[in-house]
Amino acid sequence: MDYLIAFLVGGAICAVAQVLIDVLKMQPAQVMVLFVSIGAILSGLGVYEKLIEFAQAGALVPVSGFGHSIARGSLLEAERNGFLGLFTGVFEFTGGGIAVAVFLAAAIALVANPKA
């Protein structure tokens, strides 16, 4: 049952994103920023944590889960280190993923041949 709930919630999040792209003609980058922001805001309000308890990976895997991770790290670090922690905590839970993305982007840029 856990797999079904995760699939349905994750699919619903992705379906909403597709509707925004198809119906409202939003660019994928705009949808990504919107969903990361919504995930961060809902995390700050304590709502996204309840969604994760219910849907588990179905709420963590979409890009809104990345916004949750950013906000969660910032808030936890702010509790420990004060105001400065809001900025340093961004990398608490997302640092590894960001590092891999930068490394792979650099590696692919070395071997890829860009179009003119």
C-alpha atoms as a PDB file:
ATOM      1  CA  MET A   1       0.000   0.000   0.000  1.00  0.00           C
ATOM      2  CA  ASP A   2       2.923   2.343   0.697  1.00  0.00           C
ATOM      3  CA  TYR A   3       4.064   2.031  -2.914  1.00  0.00           C
ATOM      4  CA  LEU A   4       0.624   2.868  -4.236  1.00  0.00           C
ATOM      5  CA  ILE A   5       0.294   5.961  -2.025  1.00  0.00           C
ATOM      6  CA  ALA A   6       3.781   7.149  -2.993  1.00  0.00           C
ATOM      7  CA  PHE A   7       2.992   6.589  -6.671  1.00  0.00           C
ATOM      8  CA  LEU A   8      -0.317   8.440  -6.499  1.00  0.00           C
ATOM      9  CA  VAL A   9       1.001  11.438  -4.561  1.00  0.00           C
ATOM     10  CA  GLY A  10       4.168  11.746  -6.643  1.00  0.00           C
ATOM     11  CA  GLY A  11       2.134  11.309  -9.802  1.00  0.00           C
ATOM     12  CA  ALA A  12      -0.339  13.966  -8.699  1.00  0.00           C
ATOM     13  CA  ILE A  13       2.488  16.434  -8.081  1.00  0.00           C
ATOM     14  CA  CYS A  14       3.942  15.704 -11.514  1.00  0.00           C
ATOM     15  CA  ALA A  15       0.491  15.914 -13.137  1.00  0.00           C
ATOM     16  CA  VAL A  16      -0.033  19.380 -11.653  1.00  0.00           C
ATOM     17  CA  ALA A  17       3.329  20.431 -13.069  1.00  0.00           C
ATOM     18  CA  GLN A  18       2.375  19.092 -16.501  1.00  0.00           C
ATOM     19  CA  VAL A  19      -0.936  20.954 -16.414  1.00  0.00           C
ATOM     20  CA  LEU A  20       0.914  24.179 -15.582  1.00  0.00           C
ATOM     21  CA  ILE A  21       3.182  23.621 -18.575  1.00  0.00           C
ATOM     22  CA  ASP A  22       0.452  22.584 -21.016  1.00  0.00           C
ATOM     23  CA  VAL A  23      -2.479  24.792 -20.002  1.00  0.00           C
ATOM     24  CA  LEU A  24      -0.856  27.895 -18.549  1.00  0.00           C
ATOM     25  CA  LYS A  25       2.092  27.714 -20.987  1.00  0.00           C
ATOM     26  CA  MET A  26       4.602  28.093 -18.160  1.00  0.00           C
ATOM     27  CA  GLN A  27       8.212  27.276 -18.927  1.00  0.00           C
ATOM     28  CA  PRO A  28       9.652  24.186 -17.190  1.00  0.00           C
ATOM     29  CA  ALA A  29      12.122  26.395 -15.318  1.00  0.00           C
ATOM     30  CA  GLN A  30       9.253  28.499 -13.982  1.00  0.00           C
ATOM     31  CA  VAL A  31       7.417  25.394 -12.791  1.00  0.00           C
ATOM     32  CA  MET A  32      10.578  24.110 -11.121  1.00  0.00           C
ATOM     33  CA  VAL A  33      11.130  27.372  -9.243  1.00  0.00           C
ATOM     34  CA  LEU A  34       7.438  27.462  -8.276  1.00  0.00           C
ATOM     35  CA  PHE A  35       7.502  23.909  -6.913  1.00  0.00           C
ATOM     36  CA  VAL A  36      10.776  24.386  -5.018  1.00  0.00           C
ATOM     37  CA  SER A  37       9.321  27.552  -3.481  1.00  0.00           C
ATOM     38  CA  ILE A  38       6.044  25.841  -2.603  1.00  0.00           C
ATOM     39  CA  GLY A  39       7.948  22.944  -1.027  1.00  0.00           C
ATOM     40  CA  ALA A  40      10.030  25.358   1.045  1.00  0.00           C
ATOM     41  CA  ILE A  41       7.012  27.389   2.157  1.00  0.00           C
ATOM     42  CA  LEU A  42       4.987  24.311   3.094  1.00  0.00           C
ATOM     43  CA  SER A  43       8.004  22.977   4.958  1.00  0.00           C
ATOM     44  CA  GLY A  44       8.335  26.197   6.913  1.00  0.00           C
ATOM     45  CA  LEU A  45       4.658  25.953   7.851  1.00  0.00           C
ATOM     46  CA  GLY A  46       5.062  22.318   8.925  1.00  0.00           C
ATOM     47  CA  VAL A  47       2.676  20.988   6.282  1.00  0.00           C
ATOM     48  CA  TYR A  48       5.178  19.258   4.003  1.00  0.00           C
ATOM     49  CA  GLU A  49       6.499  17.072   6.828  1.00  0.00           C
ATOM     50  CA  LYS A  50       2.995  15.629   7.250  1.00  0.00           C
ATOM     51  CA  LEU A  51       2.808  14.972   3.512  1.00  0.00           C
ATOM     52  CA  ILE A  52       6.130  13.118   3.715  1.00  0.00           C
ATOM     53  CA  GLU A  53       4.866  11.024   6.623  1.00  0.00           C
ATOM     54  CA  PHE A  54       1.873  10.068   4.480  1.00  0.00           C
ATOM     55  CA  ALA A  55       3.446   9.625   1.025  1.00  0.00           C
ATOM     56  CA  GLN A  56       7.134   9.073   1.897  1.00  0.00           C
ATOM     57  CA  ALA A  57       9.146   8.997  -1.360  1.00  0.00           C
ATOM     58  CA  GLY A  58       6.115  10.208  -3.305  1.00  0.00           C
ATOM     59  CA  ALA A  59       6.607  13.593  -1.645  1.00  0.00           C
ATOM     60  CA  LEU A  60      10.414  13.552  -1.380  1.00  0.00           C
ATOM     61  CA  VAL A  61      11.358  12.664  -4.953  1.00  0.00           C
ATOM     62  CA  PRO A  62       9.592  15.506  -6.848  1.00  0.00           C
ATOM     63  CA  VAL A  63      11.336  18.856  -6.943  1.00  0.00           C
ATOM     64  CA  SER A  64       9.057  20.174  -4.194  1.00  0.00           C
ATOM     65  CA  GLY A  65      10.889  17.734  -1.895  1.00  0.00           C
ATOM     66  CA  PHE A  66      14.115  19.567  -2.744  1.00  0.00           C
ATOM     67  CA  GLY A  67      12.525  22.796  -1.532  1.00  0.00           C
ATOM     68  CA  HIS A  68      11.535  21.010   1.663  1.00  0.00           C
ATOM     69  CA  SER A  69      15.108  19.807   2.178  1.00  0.00           C
ATOM     70  CA  ILE A  70      16.504  23.305   1.663  1.00  0.00           C
ATOM     71  CA  ALA A  71      14.053  24.859   4.123  1.00  0.00           C
ATOM     72  CA  ARG A  72      14.485  22.072   6.682  1.00  0.00           C
ATOM     73  CA  GLY A  73      18.272  22.408   6.658  1.00  0.00           C
ATOM     74  CA  SER A  74      18.094  26.187   6.921  1.00  0.00           C
ATOM     75  CA  LEU A  75      15.636  26.116   9.816  1.00  0.00           C
ATOM     76  CA  LEU A  76      17.593  23.489  11.748  1.00  0.00           C
ATOM     77  CA  GLU A  77      20.857  25.357  11.253  1.00  0.00           C
ATOM     78  CA  ALA A  78      19.192  28.645  12.256  1.00  0.00           C
ATOM     79  CA  GLU A  79      18.162  27.047  15.553  1.00  0.00           C
ATOM     80  CA  ARG A  80      21.786  26.055  16.199  1.00  0.00           C
ATOM     81  CA  ASN A  81      23.687  29.078  14.846  1.00  0.00           C
ATOM     82  CA  GLY A  82      21.176  31.904  14.693  1.00  0.00           C
ATOM     83  CA  PHE A  83      20.553  34.122  11.691  1.00  0.00           C
ATOM     84  CA  LEU A  84      23.663  33.023   9.792  1.00  0.00           C
ATOM     85  CA  GLY A  85      22.394  29.451   9.913  1.00  0.00           C
ATOM     86  CA  LEU A  86      19.584  30.384   7.520  1.00  0.00           C
ATOM     87  CA  PHE A  87      22.210  30.721   4.799  1.00  0.00           C
ATOM     88  CA  THR A  88      24.653  27.971   5.739  1.00  0.00           C
ATOM     89  CA  GLY A  89      21.954  25.392   6.424  1.00  0.00           C
ATOM     90  CA  VAL A  90      20.912  25.279   2.785  1.00  0.00           C
ATOM     91  CA  PHE A  91      23.623  22.686   2.180  1.00  0.00           C
ATOM     92  CA  GLU A  92      22.837  20.572   5.260  1.00  0.00           C
ATOM     93  CA  PHE A  93      20.678  18.029   3.408  1.00  0.00           C
ATOM     94  CA  THR A  94      21.221  19.069  -0.203  1.00  0.00           C
ATOM     95  CA  GLY A  95      24.992  19.538  -0.383  1.00  0.00           C
ATOM     96  CA  GLY A  96      25.728  16.067  -1.752  1.00  0.00           C
ATOM     97  CA  GLY A  97      23.146  16.347  -4.505  1.00  0.00           C
ATOM     98  CA  ILE A  98      24.319  19.807  -5.496  1.00  0.00           C
ATOM     99  CA  ALA A  99      27.956  18.653  -5.563  1.00  0.00           C
ATOM    100  CA  VAL A 100      27.101  15.683  -7.792  1.00  0.00           C
ATOM    101  CA  ALA A 101      25.083  17.902 -10.145  1.00  0.00           C
ATOM    102  CA  VAL A 102      27.967  20.383 -10.503  1.00  0.00           C
ATOM    103  CA  PHE A 103      30.535  17.609 -10.999  1.00  0.00           C
ATOM    104  CA  LEU A 104      28.469  15.799 -13.640  1.00  0.00           C
ATOM    105  CA  ALA A 105      27.676  19.056 -15.449  1.00  0.00           C
ATOM    106  CA  ALA A 106      31.401  19.862 -15.628  1.00  0.00           C
ATOM    107  CA  ALA A 107      32.267  16.322 -16.774  1.00  0.00           C
ATOM    108  CA  ILE A 108      29.605  16.352 -19.492  1.00  0.00           C
ATOM    109  CA  ALA A 109      30.706  19.832 -20.622  1.00  0.00           C
ATOM    110  CA  LEU A 110      34.208  18.437 -21.219  1.00  0.00           C
ATOM    111  CA  VAL A 111      33.037  15.669 -23.543  1.00  0.00           C
ATOM    112  CA  ALA A 112      29.912  17.150 -25.138  1.00  0.00           C
ATOM    113  CA  ASN A 113      30.001  18.986 -28.421  1.00  0.00           C
ATOM    114  CA  PRO A 114      27.640  21.992 -28.243  1.00  0.00           C
ATOM    115  CA  LYS A 115      25.483  22.844 -31.234  1.00  0.00           C
ATOM    116  CA  ALA A 116      26.175  26.067 -33.070  1.00  0.00           C
END
